[in-house]
């Protein structure tokens, strides 16, 4: 049986490498039926996007803040619920 621990490992691995067809099919099936792993995948995608936005040297702090707020809103999250730096 494919467990959530295996799914989260593959979700993380997919950030760094291309998954094999068997891994991809197994993961897609699991994420389809598991709301927890589906949410983890969504959260990881948000984190990746935020890191990409925040690592740009050419961006002002205001631009980063505005971009972060947009990403959070797109994910259905309340930007005001997160602390500001």
Protein backbone atom coordinates (compact mmCIF):
# COMPACT_ATOMS: atom_id res chain seq x y z
CA UNK A 1 0.00 0.00 0.00
CA UNK A 2 1.27 3.46 -0.91
CA UNK A 3 1.52 5.56 2.26
CA UNK A 4 1.39 9.32 2.82
CA UNK A 5 5.04 9.28 3.90
CA UNK A 6 5.98 7.93 0.47
CA UNK A 7 3.73 10.46 -1.24
CA UNK A 8 5.23 13.44 0.59
CA UNK A 9 8.73 12.22 -0.26
CA UNK A 10 7.80 12.01 -3.95
CA UNK A 11 6.12 15.42 -3.84
CA UNK A 12 9.34 16.87 -2.46
CA UNK A 13 11.48 14.89 -4.90
CA UNK A 14 9.44 16.25 -7.80
CA UNK A 15 10.81 19.71 -6.96
CA UNK A 16 14.35 18.51 -7.63
CA UNK A 17 14.02 15.88 -10.31
CA UNK A 18 11.71 14.48 -12.94
CA UNK A 19 9.74 11.58 -11.50
CA UNK A 20 9.67 8.23 -13.25
CA UNK A 21 6.39 7.37 -14.96
CA UNK A 22 5.52 4.78 -12.32
CA UNK A 23 6.23 7.23 -9.50
CA UNK A 24 4.18 9.93 -11.20
CA UNK A 25 1.17 7.67 -11.80
CA UNK A 26 1.26 6.32 -8.25
CA UNK A 27 1.59 9.80 -6.79
CA UNK A 28 -1.22 11.25 -8.91
CA UNK A 29 -3.56 8.47 -7.85
CA UNK A 30 -2.70 8.92 -4.18
CA UNK A 31 -3.09 12.71 -4.30
CA UNK A 32 -6.47 12.26 -5.97
CA UNK A 33 -7.81 10.30 -3.00
CA UNK A 34 -5.82 11.88 -0.13
CA UNK A 35 -6.79 15.43 0.87
CA UNK A 36 -3.80 15.72 3.23
CA UNK A 37 -1.20 15.01 0.56
CA UNK A 38 -3.10 17.18 -1.90
CA UNK A 39 -2.88 20.07 0.59
CA UNK A 40 0.82 19.37 1.20
CA UNK A 41 1.46 19.56 -2.54
CA UNK A 42 -0.38 22.90 -2.71
CA UNK A 43 1.53 24.26 0.28
CA UNK A 44 4.86 23.23 -1.21
CA UNK A 45 3.96 24.96 -4.48
CA UNK A 46 3.19 28.17 -2.55
CA UNK A 47 6.50 27.94 -0.69
CA UNK A 48 8.41 27.42 -3.94
CA UNK A 49 6.72 30.43 -5.53
CA UNK A 50 7.40 32.62 -2.50
CA UNK A 51 11.07 31.63 -2.45
CA UNK A 52 11.36 32.47 -6.15
CA UNK A 53 9.82 35.87 -5.52
CA UNK A 54 11.95 36.64 -2.48
CA UNK A 55 15.29 35.66 -3.97
CA UNK A 56 15.28 38.31 -6.66
CA UNK A 57 17.93 40.91 -5.79
CA UNK A 58 16.30 43.42 -8.09
CA UNK A 59 13.03 43.49 -6.14
CA UNK A 60 12.29 46.09 -3.51
CA UNK A 61 10.85 44.94 -0.18
CA UNK A 62 7.54 46.54 -1.17
CA UNK A 63 7.45 44.61 -4.44
CA UNK A 64 8.22 41.35 -2.64
CA UNK A 65 5.47 42.05 -0.09
CA UNK A 66 2.93 42.81 -2.81
CA UNK A 67 3.89 39.66 -4.73
CA UNK A 68 3.64 37.50 -1.62
CA UNK A 69 0.17 38.90 -0.89
CA UNK A 70 -0.95 38.09 -4.45
CA UNK A 71 0.32 34.52 -4.21
CA UNK A 72 -1.41 33.99 -0.87
CA UNK A 73 -4.70 35.39 -2.22
CA UNK A 74 -4.51 33.09 -5.26
CA UNK A 75 -4.18 30.15 -2.90
CA UNK A 76 -7.29 31.23 -1.01
CA UNK A 77 -5.30 32.35 2.04
CA UNK A 78 -5.73 35.57 3.97
CA UNK A 79 -2.51 37.60 3.60
CA UNK A 80 -3.35 39.57 6.75
CA UNK A 81 -3.21 36.37 8.81
CA UNK A 82 0.55 36.17 8.23
CA UNK A 83 3.07 38.31 10.09
CA UNK A 84 4.82 41.02 8.17
CA UNK A 85 8.54 41.53 8.39
